[in-house]
N, C-alpha and C. Protein backbone atom coordinates (compact mmCIF):
# COMPACT_ATOMS: atom_id res chain seq x y z
N UNK A 1 128.08 83.03 100.56
CA UNK A 1 128.11 82.86 99.08
C UNK A 1 129.37 83.63 98.76
N UNK A 2 130.36 82.78 97.81
CA UNK A 2 131.53 83.46 97.25
C UNK A 2 131.06 83.82 96.00
N UNK A 3 131.63 85.16 95.66
CA UNK A 3 131.55 85.49 94.62
C UNK A 3 132.83 85.14 93.30
N UNK A 4 132.38 84.74 92.03
CA UNK A 4 133.24 84.68 91.23
C UNK A 4 133.84 86.16 91.01
N UNK A 5 135.21 86.27 91.23
CA UNK A 5 135.51 87.80 91.44
C UNK A 5 136.33 87.97 89.72
N UNK A 6 136.16 88.94 89.23
CA UNK A 6 136.65 89.09 87.89
C UNK A 6 137.87 90.20 88.33
N UNK A 7 137.72 90.64 89.26
CA UNK A 7 138.78 91.76 89.87
C UNK A 7 138.28 92.07 91.77
N UNK A 8 139.31 92.57 92.12
CA UNK A 8 139.08 93.21 93.31
C UNK A 8 138.54 94.67 93.38
N UNK A 9 138.24 95.04 92.20
CA UNK A 9 137.69 96.55 92.29
C UNK A 9 136.25 96.57 93.07
N UNK A 10 136.07 97.49 93.96
CA UNK A 10 134.77 97.90 94.56
C UNK A 10 133.65 98.17 93.74
N UNK A 11 133.83 98.62 92.70
CA UNK A 11 132.49 98.86 91.70
C UNK A 11 132.50 97.55 91.09
N UNK A 12 133.24 96.72 90.64
CA UNK A 12 132.90 95.30 89.86
C UNK A 12 132.41 94.53 90.72
N UNK A 13 132.88 94.53 92.04
CA UNK A 13 132.35 93.49 93.15
C UNK A 13 130.79 93.84 93.42
N UNK A 14 130.48 95.07 93.62
CA UNK A 14 129.30 95.68 93.89
C UNK A 14 128.38 95.14 92.73
N UNK A 15 128.91 95.58 91.61
CA UNK A 15 127.93 95.03 90.56
C UNK A 15 127.74 93.24 90.37
N UNK A 16 128.59 92.82 90.72
CA UNK A 16 128.42 91.09 90.87
C UNK A 16 127.12 90.85 91.84
N UNK A 17 127.12 91.87 92.69
CA UNK A 17 126.26 91.69 93.73
C UNK A 17 124.75 92.29 93.13
N UNK A 18 124.83 93.29 92.65
CA UNK A 18 123.50 93.89 92.55
C UNK A 18 123.38 94.15 90.78
N UNK A 19 124.32 93.55 89.91
CA UNK A 19 124.20 93.75 88.60
C UNK A 19 123.19 93.16 87.95
N UNK A 20 122.21 92.07 88.43
CA UNK A 20 121.07 91.47 87.91
C UNK A 20 120.12 92.55 87.86
N UNK A 21 118.87 92.25 86.97
CA UNK A 21 117.51 93.22 87.08
C UNK A 21 116.88 93.65 88.19
N UNK A 22 116.93 92.55 89.02
CA UNK A 22 115.91 92.44 90.14
C UNK A 22 116.23 92.67 91.67
N UNK A 23 117.64 92.63 92.03
CA UNK A 23 118.13 92.49 93.26
C UNK A 23 117.72 94.10 93.98
N UNK A 24 118.19 95.04 93.18
CA UNK A 24 117.93 96.38 93.95
C UNK A 24 116.62 96.51 93.99
N UNK A 25 115.65 96.29 92.70
CA UNK A 25 114.10 96.18 92.92
C UNK A 25 113.76 95.79 94.34
N UNK A 26 114.19 94.38 94.38
CA UNK A 26 113.54 93.94 95.62
C UNK A 26 113.89 94.66 97.10
N UNK A 27 115.18 94.82 96.95
CA UNK A 27 115.62 95.46 98.09
C UNK A 27 114.73 97.12 98.19
N UNK A 28 114.66 97.68 97.07
CA UNK A 28 114.28 99.04 97.14
C UNK A 28 112.41 98.66 97.94
N UNK A 29 111.78 97.65 97.27
CA UNK A 29 110.59 97.23 97.84
C UNK A 29 110.24 96.90 99.16
N UNK A 30 111.62 96.52 99.77
CA UNK A 30 111.37 96.30 101.20
C UNK A 30 111.89 97.43 101.77
N UNK A 31 112.77 98.08 101.65
CA UNK A 31 113.44 99.49 102.28
C UNK A 31 111.88 100.44 102.19
N UNK A 32 111.38 100.72 100.90
CA UNK A 32 110.43 101.85 101.05
C UNK A 32 109.23 101.28 101.24
N UNK A 33 108.83 100.12 100.46
CA UNK A 33 107.65 99.43 100.68
C UNK A 33 107.03 99.03 101.75
N UNK A 34 108.10 98.58 102.54
CA UNK A 34 107.87 98.01 103.74
C UNK A 34 107.57 96.39 103.68
N UNK A 35 107.65 96.06 102.36
CA UNK A 35 107.20 94.49 101.93
C UNK A 35 108.27 93.51 102.39
N UNK A 36 107.51 92.53 103.30
CA UNK A 36 108.63 91.66 103.85
C UNK A 36 108.35 90.05 103.50
N UNK A 37 106.99 89.81 102.91
CA UNK A 37 106.73 88.34 102.60
C UNK A 37 106.83 88.03 101.09
N UNK A 38 106.90 87.02 100.64
CA UNK A 38 107.01 86.70 99.40
C UNK A 38 106.08 87.32 98.42
N UNK A 39 104.58 86.98 98.92
CA UNK A 39 103.64 87.47 98.25
C UNK A 39 103.46 89.05 98.18
N UNK A 40 103.95 89.59 99.01
CA UNK A 40 103.94 91.29 99.16
C UNK A 40 104.98 91.79 97.91
N UNK A 41 105.95 90.99 97.92
CA UNK A 41 107.09 91.27 97.05
C UNK A 41 106.72 90.87 95.47
N UNK A 42 106.09 89.82 95.57
CA UNK A 42 105.79 89.34 94.13
C UNK A 42 104.49 90.15 93.84
N UNK A 43 103.41 90.36 94.35
CA UNK A 43 102.48 91.37 93.84
C UNK A 43 102.51 92.82 93.93
N UNK A 44 103.35 93.16 94.79
CA UNK A 44 103.69 94.75 95.11
C UNK A 44 104.35 95.40 94.36
N UNK A 45 105.22 94.73 93.18
CA UNK A 45 106.13 95.39 92.38
C UNK A 45 105.55 95.73 91.14
N UNK A 46 105.78 97.18 90.80
CA UNK A 46 105.06 97.61 89.65
C UNK A 46 105.86 97.22 88.15
N UNK A 47 107.14 96.47 88.81
CA UNK A 47 107.59 96.09 87.45
C UNK A 47 107.41 94.58 86.98
N UNK A 48 106.72 94.09 88.12
CA UNK A 48 106.12 92.51 87.73
C UNK A 48 107.44 91.56 87.61
N UNK A 49 107.75 91.23 88.57
CA UNK A 49 108.92 89.88 88.88
C UNK A 49 108.29 88.87 88.79
N UNK A 50 108.67 87.94 88.04
CA UNK A 50 108.21 86.28 88.13
C UNK A 50 108.14 85.74 89.37
N UNK A 51 107.28 84.95 89.48
CA UNK A 51 107.60 84.10 91.16
C UNK A 51 109.05 83.33 91.28
N UNK A 52 109.54 82.72 89.92
CA UNK A 52 110.83 81.94 90.35
C UNK A 52 111.86 82.90 90.37
N UNK A 53 112.09 83.88 89.69
CA UNK A 53 113.01 84.89 89.53
C UNK A 53 113.00 85.32 91.02
N UNK A 54 111.90 85.75 91.48
CA UNK A 54 111.68 86.37 92.98
C UNK A 54 112.26 85.51 94.17
N UNK A 55 111.90 84.23 93.74
CA UNK A 55 112.64 83.21 94.80
C UNK A 55 114.12 83.14 94.51
N UNK A 56 114.60 83.15 93.45
CA UNK A 56 115.89 82.86 93.11
C UNK A 56 116.64 84.20 93.85
N UNK A 57 116.27 85.34 93.42
CA UNK A 57 116.72 86.25 93.90
C UNK A 57 116.70 86.60 95.44
N UNK A 58 115.75 86.16 96.16
CA UNK A 58 115.36 86.20 97.50
C UNK A 58 116.68 85.23 98.08
N UNK A 59 116.53 83.91 97.38
CA UNK A 59 117.76 83.17 98.01
C UNK A 59 119.16 83.47 97.88
N UNK A 60 119.43 84.47 96.74
CA UNK A 60 120.51 84.63 96.68
C UNK A 60 121.37 85.80 97.41
N UNK A 61 120.16 86.94 97.55
CA UNK A 61 120.14 87.87 98.45
C UNK A 61 120.47 87.37 100.06
N UNK A 62 119.86 86.15 100.47
CA UNK A 62 120.20 85.60 101.70
C UNK A 62 121.74 85.14 101.64
N UNK A 63 121.95 84.25 100.71
CA UNK A 63 123.52 83.88 100.78
C UNK A 63 124.46 84.81 100.79
N UNK A 64 124.15 86.08 100.27
CA UNK A 64 125.15 87.05 100.12
C UNK A 64 125.16 88.00 101.43
N UNK A 65 124.02 87.35 102.32
CA UNK A 65 123.81 88.27 103.78
C UNK A 65 123.22 89.48 103.82
N UNK A 66 122.60 89.82 102.78
CA UNK A 66 121.90 90.96 102.54
C UNK A 66 120.23 90.75 103.55
N UNK A 67 119.89 89.62 103.21
CA UNK A 67 118.27 89.36 103.90
C UNK A 67 118.65 88.24 104.87
N UNK A 68 117.58 88.15 105.83
CA UNK A 68 117.35 86.95 106.50
C UNK A 68 116.14 86.46 106.31
N UNK A 69 115.91 85.18 106.59
CA UNK A 69 114.39 84.79 106.73
C UNK A 69 114.03 83.88 107.71
N UNK A 70 112.97 84.21 108.27
CA UNK A 70 112.34 83.74 109.64
C UNK A 70 111.03 83.24 109.29
N UNK A 71 110.35 82.17 110.08
CA UNK A 71 109.14 81.86 110.11
C UNK A 71 108.34 83.09 110.60
N UNK A 72 107.02 83.37 110.12
CA UNK A 72 106.31 84.48 110.59
C UNK A 72 105.35 84.16 111.65
N UNK A 73 105.61 84.92 112.75
CA UNK A 73 104.95 84.28 113.77
C UNK A 73 103.22 84.33 113.91
N UNK A 74 102.88 85.15 112.75
CA UNK A 74 101.42 85.47 112.60
C UNK A 74 100.93 84.46 111.58
N UNK A 75 101.54 83.63 111.17
CA UNK A 75 101.20 82.69 110.05
C UNK A 75 102.04 81.71 109.88
N UNK A 76 101.78 80.36 110.25
CA UNK A 76 102.71 79.23 109.92
C UNK A 76 103.14 78.91 108.74
N UNK A 77 102.39 79.07 107.73
CA UNK A 77 102.88 78.81 106.27
C UNK A 77 103.38 80.21 105.87
N UNK A 78 103.76 80.89 106.23
CA UNK A 78 104.54 82.19 105.96
C UNK A 78 105.81 82.45 106.51
N UNK A 79 106.74 82.89 105.49
CA UNK A 79 108.04 83.62 106.13
C UNK A 79 108.29 85.06 106.08
N UNK A 80 109.05 85.33 106.74
CA UNK A 80 109.36 86.91 106.87
C UNK A 80 110.68 87.22 106.52
N UNK A 81 110.78 88.16 105.66
CA UNK A 81 112.20 88.29 105.54
C UNK A 81 112.62 89.98 105.87
N UNK A 82 113.70 89.80 106.42
CA UNK A 82 114.59 91.00 107.29
C UNK A 82 115.64 91.36 106.52
N UNK A 83 115.80 92.68 106.44
CA UNK A 83 117.09 93.34 105.86
C UNK A 83 118.26 93.08 106.84
N UNK A 84 119.24 92.94 106.60
CA UNK A 84 120.62 92.92 107.48
C UNK A 84 121.26 94.22 107.39
N UNK A 85 121.83 94.52 108.24
CA UNK A 85 122.69 95.91 108.47
C UNK A 85 123.36 96.31 106.90
N UNK A 86 123.91 95.16 106.18
CA UNK A 86 124.56 95.33 105.13
C UNK A 86 123.55 95.76 103.96
N UNK A 87 122.49 95.39 103.94
CA UNK A 87 121.49 95.89 102.99
C UNK A 87 120.66 97.40 103.71
N UNK A 88 120.57 97.69 105.03
CA UNK A 88 120.15 98.97 105.15
C UNK A 88 121.06 100.04 105.01
N UNK A 89 122.24 99.39 105.06
CA UNK A 89 123.33 100.80 104.63
C UNK A 89 123.50 100.99 103.01
N UNK A 90 122.33 100.70 102.27
CA UNK A 90 122.34 101.03 100.83
C UNK A 90 121.33 102.17 100.97
N UNK A 91 120.72 102.70 101.78
CA UNK A 91 119.69 103.62 101.52
C UNK A 91 120.51 105.11 101.13
N UNK A 92 121.83 105.17 101.61
CA UNK A 92 122.30 106.59 101.02
C UNK A 92 122.63 106.04 99.13
N UNK A 93 122.88 104.85 99.12
CA UNK A 93 123.56 104.49 97.61
C UNK A 93 121.85 104.71 96.67
N UNK A 94 120.75 104.07 97.24
CA UNK A 94 119.55 104.30 96.76
C UNK A 94 119.20 105.61 96.71
N UNK A 95 119.41 106.41 97.73
CA UNK A 95 119.25 108.02 97.54
C UNK A 95 119.83 108.67 96.23
N UNK A 96 121.21 108.33 96.17
CA UNK A 96 121.77 108.91 95.05
C UNK A 96 121.63 108.51 93.62
N UNK A 97 121.07 107.01 93.85
CA UNK A 97 120.69 106.50 92.30
C UNK A 97 119.23 107.28 92.10
N UNK A 98 118.56 107.22 92.99
CA UNK A 98 117.13 107.96 92.61
C UNK A 98 117.34 109.58 92.25
N UNK A 99 118.41 110.30 92.97
CA UNK A 99 118.64 111.51 92.53
C UNK A 99 119.19 111.63 91.04
N UNK A 100 120.05 110.75 91.06
CA UNK A 100 120.75 110.45 89.28
C UNK A 100 119.67 110.38 88.35
N UNK A 101 118.68 109.56 88.58
CA UNK A 101 117.60 109.08 87.80
C UNK A 101 116.77 110.25 87.59
N UNK A 102 116.51 110.91 88.37
CA UNK A 102 115.73 112.27 88.35
C UNK A 102 116.37 113.24 87.46
N UNK A 103 117.54 113.43 87.25
CA UNK A 103 118.16 114.36 86.71
C UNK A 103 118.11 113.55 85.24
N UNK A 104 118.72 112.37 85.03
CA UNK A 104 119.03 112.20 83.45
C UNK A 104 118.12 111.27 82.97
N UNK A 105 117.03 110.84 83.70
CA UNK A 105 116.31 109.67 82.96
C UNK A 105 114.68 110.38 82.71
N UNK A 106 113.66 109.92 81.95
CA UNK A 106 112.48 110.55 82.12
C UNK A 106 111.56 109.72 83.34
N UNK A 107 111.96 110.32 84.22
CA UNK A 107 110.95 109.69 85.25
C UNK A 107 109.35 110.58 85.39
N UNK A 108 108.81 109.64 86.17
CA UNK A 108 107.49 110.11 86.35
C UNK A 108 107.22 111.02 87.84
N UNK A 109 106.54 111.93 88.15
CA UNK A 109 106.86 112.91 89.12
C UNK A 109 106.31 112.25 90.39
N UNK A 110 105.24 111.10 90.33
CA UNK A 110 104.85 110.44 91.36
C UNK A 110 105.94 109.25 91.81
N UNK A 111 106.54 108.95 90.79
CA UNK A 111 107.49 107.74 91.39
C UNK A 111 108.68 108.50 91.53
N UNK A 112 109.03 109.46 91.29
CA UNK A 112 110.50 110.22 91.67
C UNK A 112 110.12 111.28 92.99
N UNK A 113 109.03 111.59 93.54
CA UNK A 113 108.68 112.21 94.60
C UNK A 113 109.63 111.85 95.84
N UNK A 114 109.51 110.50 96.19
CA UNK A 114 110.68 109.96 97.16
C UNK A 114 111.77 110.50 96.91
N UNK A 115 112.27 110.11 95.91
CA UNK A 115 113.73 110.47 95.51
C UNK A 115 114.19 112.12 95.72
N UNK A 116 113.55 112.65 95.48
CA UNK A 116 113.54 114.15 95.52
C UNK A 116 113.48 114.65 97.09
N UNK A 117 112.52 113.76 97.68
CA UNK A 117 112.69 114.33 99.39
C UNK A 117 113.86 113.49 100.19
N UNK A 118 114.36 112.28 99.55
CA UNK A 118 115.51 111.77 100.20
C UNK A 118 116.69 112.70 99.59
N UNK A 119 116.67 113.15 98.28
CA UNK A 119 117.96 113.90 98.23
C UNK A 119 117.82 115.19 98.82
N UNK A 120 116.77 116.24 99.13
CA UNK A 120 116.66 117.21 99.80
C UNK A 120 116.93 116.91 101.34
N UNK A 121 116.52 115.70 101.93
CA UNK A 121 116.66 115.40 103.34
C UNK A 121 118.28 115.10 103.49
N UNK A 122 118.81 114.78 102.66
CA UNK A 122 120.41 114.15 102.56
C UNK A 122 120.48 113.46 103.91
N UNK A 123 121.77 113.42 104.18
CA UNK A 123 122.33 112.55 105.01
C UNK A 123 121.90 112.41 106.32
N UNK A 124 121.22 113.57 107.38
CA UNK A 124 120.22 113.40 108.38
C UNK A 124 118.94 112.64 108.10
N UNK A 125 118.54 112.85 106.82
CA UNK A 125 117.22 112.09 106.82
C UNK A 125 117.63 110.58 106.52
N UNK A 126 118.67 110.22 105.76
CA UNK A 126 119.29 108.69 105.50
C UNK A 126 119.31 108.18 106.72
N UNK A 127 119.87 108.81 107.65
CA UNK A 127 120.29 108.32 108.91
C UNK A 127 119.15 107.71 109.70
N UNK A 128 118.17 108.93 109.62
CA UNK A 128 117.03 108.70 110.32
C UNK A 128 116.06 107.36 109.82
N UNK A 129 116.28 107.36 108.66
CA UNK A 129 115.36 106.11 107.78
C UNK A 129 116.17 104.88 108.15
N UNK A 130 117.83 104.69 108.06
CA UNK A 130 118.15 103.69 108.74
C UNK A 130 117.94 103.14 110.09
N UNK A 131 117.73 104.14 110.70
CA UNK A 131 117.72 103.71 112.19
C UNK A 131 116.22 103.14 112.30
N UNK A 132 115.06 103.89 111.67
CA UNK A 132 114.16 103.06 111.53
C UNK A 132 114.03 101.86 111.10
N UNK A 133 114.84 101.57 110.22
CA UNK A 133 114.80 100.29 109.49
C UNK A 133 115.59 99.16 110.24
N UNK A 134 116.69 99.53 110.93
CA UNK A 134 117.19 98.88 111.98
C UNK A 134 116.48 98.55 113.23
N UNK A 135 115.52 99.30 113.49
CA UNK A 135 114.26 99.05 114.53
C UNK A 135 113.44 97.97 113.93
N UNK A 136 112.81 98.40 112.76
CA UNK A 136 111.81 97.40 112.10
C UNK A 136 112.55 96.01 111.98
N UNK A 137 113.76 95.70 111.48
CA UNK A 137 114.24 94.60 110.74
C UNK A 137 115.30 93.83 111.74
N UNK A 138 115.76 94.51 112.71
CA UNK A 138 116.68 94.28 113.45
C UNK A 138 116.48 94.16 115.22
N UNK A 139 115.44 94.71 115.24
CA UNK A 139 114.82 94.97 116.58
C UNK A 139 115.71 95.64 117.55
N UNK A 140 116.65 96.50 116.84
CA UNK A 140 117.27 97.53 117.61
C UNK A 140 116.34 98.65 118.15
N UNK A 141 116.69 99.20 119.15
CA UNK A 141 115.88 100.39 119.86
C UNK A 141 115.95 101.63 119.04
N UNK A 142 114.73 102.13 119.14
CA UNK A 142 114.64 103.47 118.17
C UNK A 142 114.40 104.66 119.49
N UNK A 143 115.18 105.87 119.07
CA UNK A 143 115.28 107.05 119.99
C UNK A 143 113.92 107.50 119.66
N UNK A 144 113.10 107.67 120.81
CA UNK A 144 111.69 108.39 120.62
C UNK A 144 111.88 109.76 119.73
N UNK A 145 111.66 109.68 118.61
CA UNK A 145 111.32 110.86 117.52
C UNK A 145 110.01 111.29 117.47
N UNK A 146 109.87 112.57 117.17
CA UNK A 146 108.63 113.19 116.97
C UNK A 146 108.22 113.10 115.70
N UNK A 147 106.97 112.99 115.18
CA UNK A 147 106.77 113.13 113.95
C UNK A 147 106.43 111.88 113.18
N UNK A 148 105.83 111.78 112.11
CA UNK A 148 106.03 110.59 110.99
C UNK A 148 106.97 109.73 110.75
N UNK A 149 107.20 108.64 110.57
CA UNK A 149 108.54 107.96 110.30
C UNK A 149 108.89 108.47 108.73
N UNK A 150 109.95 108.08 108.49
CA UNK A 150 110.64 108.57 107.17
C UNK A 150 109.62 107.92 106.17
N UNK A 151 109.70 106.74 106.08
CA UNK A 151 108.63 105.90 105.19
C UNK A 151 107.29 106.22 105.05
N UNK A 152 106.59 106.83 106.16
CA UNK A 152 105.04 107.49 106.09
C UNK A 152 105.46 108.69 105.30
N UNK A 153 106.28 109.85 105.80
CA UNK A 153 106.46 110.89 105.07
C UNK A 153 106.64 110.65 103.52
N UNK A 154 107.42 109.68 103.22
CA UNK A 154 107.60 109.54 101.72
C UNK A 154 106.47 108.99 101.06
N UNK A 155 105.69 108.10 101.50
CA UNK A 155 104.25 107.62 101.05
C UNK A 155 103.39 108.57 100.85
N UNK A 156 103.06 109.57 101.95
CA UNK A 156 102.31 110.55 101.96
C UNK A 156 102.64 111.59 100.70
N UNK A 157 104.01 111.84 100.44
CA UNK A 157 104.38 112.45 99.38
C UNK A 157 103.82 112.14 98.12
N UNK A 158 104.35 110.70 98.04
CA UNK A 158 103.68 109.99 96.88
C UNK A 158 102.09 110.14 96.77
N UNK A 159 101.46 109.65 97.64
CA UNK A 159 99.96 109.72 97.63
C UNK A 159 99.54 111.18 97.16
N UNK A 160 100.02 112.03 98.11
CA UNK A 160 99.79 113.67 97.61
C UNK A 160 99.77 113.79 96.00
N UNK A 161 100.90 113.37 95.19
CA UNK A 161 100.86 113.79 93.89
C UNK A 161 100.02 112.94 93.19
N UNK A 162 99.99 111.51 93.65
CA UNK A 162 98.72 110.88 92.79
C UNK A 162 97.29 111.66 92.84
N UNK A 163 97.03 111.97 94.10
CA UNK A 163 95.84 112.69 94.10
C UNK A 163 95.69 113.74 93.40
N UNK A 164 96.58 114.60 93.57
CA UNK A 164 96.81 116.06 92.53
C UNK A 164 96.69 115.60 91.09
N UNK A 165 97.19 114.58 90.86
CA UNK A 165 97.20 114.17 89.36
C UNK A 165 95.73 113.86 88.88
N UNK A 166 95.25 112.95 89.88
CA UNK A 166 93.99 112.59 89.49
C UNK A 166 92.90 113.83 89.48
N UNK A 167 92.88 114.57 90.60
CA UNK A 167 92.14 115.93 90.43
C UNK A 167 92.32 116.58 89.08
N UNK A 168 93.74 116.91 88.69
CA UNK A 168 93.93 117.53 87.37
C UNK A 168 93.42 116.92 86.36
N UNK A 169 93.55 115.63 86.28
CA UNK A 169 93.10 114.63 85.19
C UNK A 169 91.54 114.38 85.03
N UNK A 170 90.83 114.67 86.08
CA UNK A 170 89.58 114.61 85.88
C UNK A 170 88.73 115.58 85.10
N UNK A 171 87.62 115.22 84.55
CA UNK A 171 87.10 116.06 83.61
C UNK A 171 86.65 117.25 84.63
N UNK A 172 86.29 118.52 84.02
CA UNK A 172 85.68 119.71 84.83
C UNK A 172 84.26 119.66 84.72
N UNK A 173 83.78 120.06 85.86
CA UNK A 173 82.22 119.98 86.07
C UNK A 173 81.64 121.07 85.27
């Protein structure tokens, strides 16, 4: 897909790819949420994307080379979306966006814990996560690593905050 380029500025060109409301949210849900099917993306996003918008953005992200689509071998009527290397390399950018948002915007603790861990983990954590994504989406070999995956660690931290807040919000006995 060719972009209507207003200029050759890399920031402008990047905004022409991600400047809409939904593209980064879809990529976020695929990267951090492990969502790869249309229904998972449609029903799993807390922002509530409409099905026609999701279909349009998925098509656009495929045309831009950010995603690929293949038949799901486990279900004849489902397609599975995969991140390309181009999309996987957004992990550091998403980490920086999350860190910026934590500082300057009124984020919730449970939705910002992942950003906090990514910020603290820095480039070594981002590289490990990108390697895991390359394995999951591109079929690249994964070095035998000890411990849970980065996504599992981020999810566990999120669930711990949610559980702690639920305990704190429950009435005292």
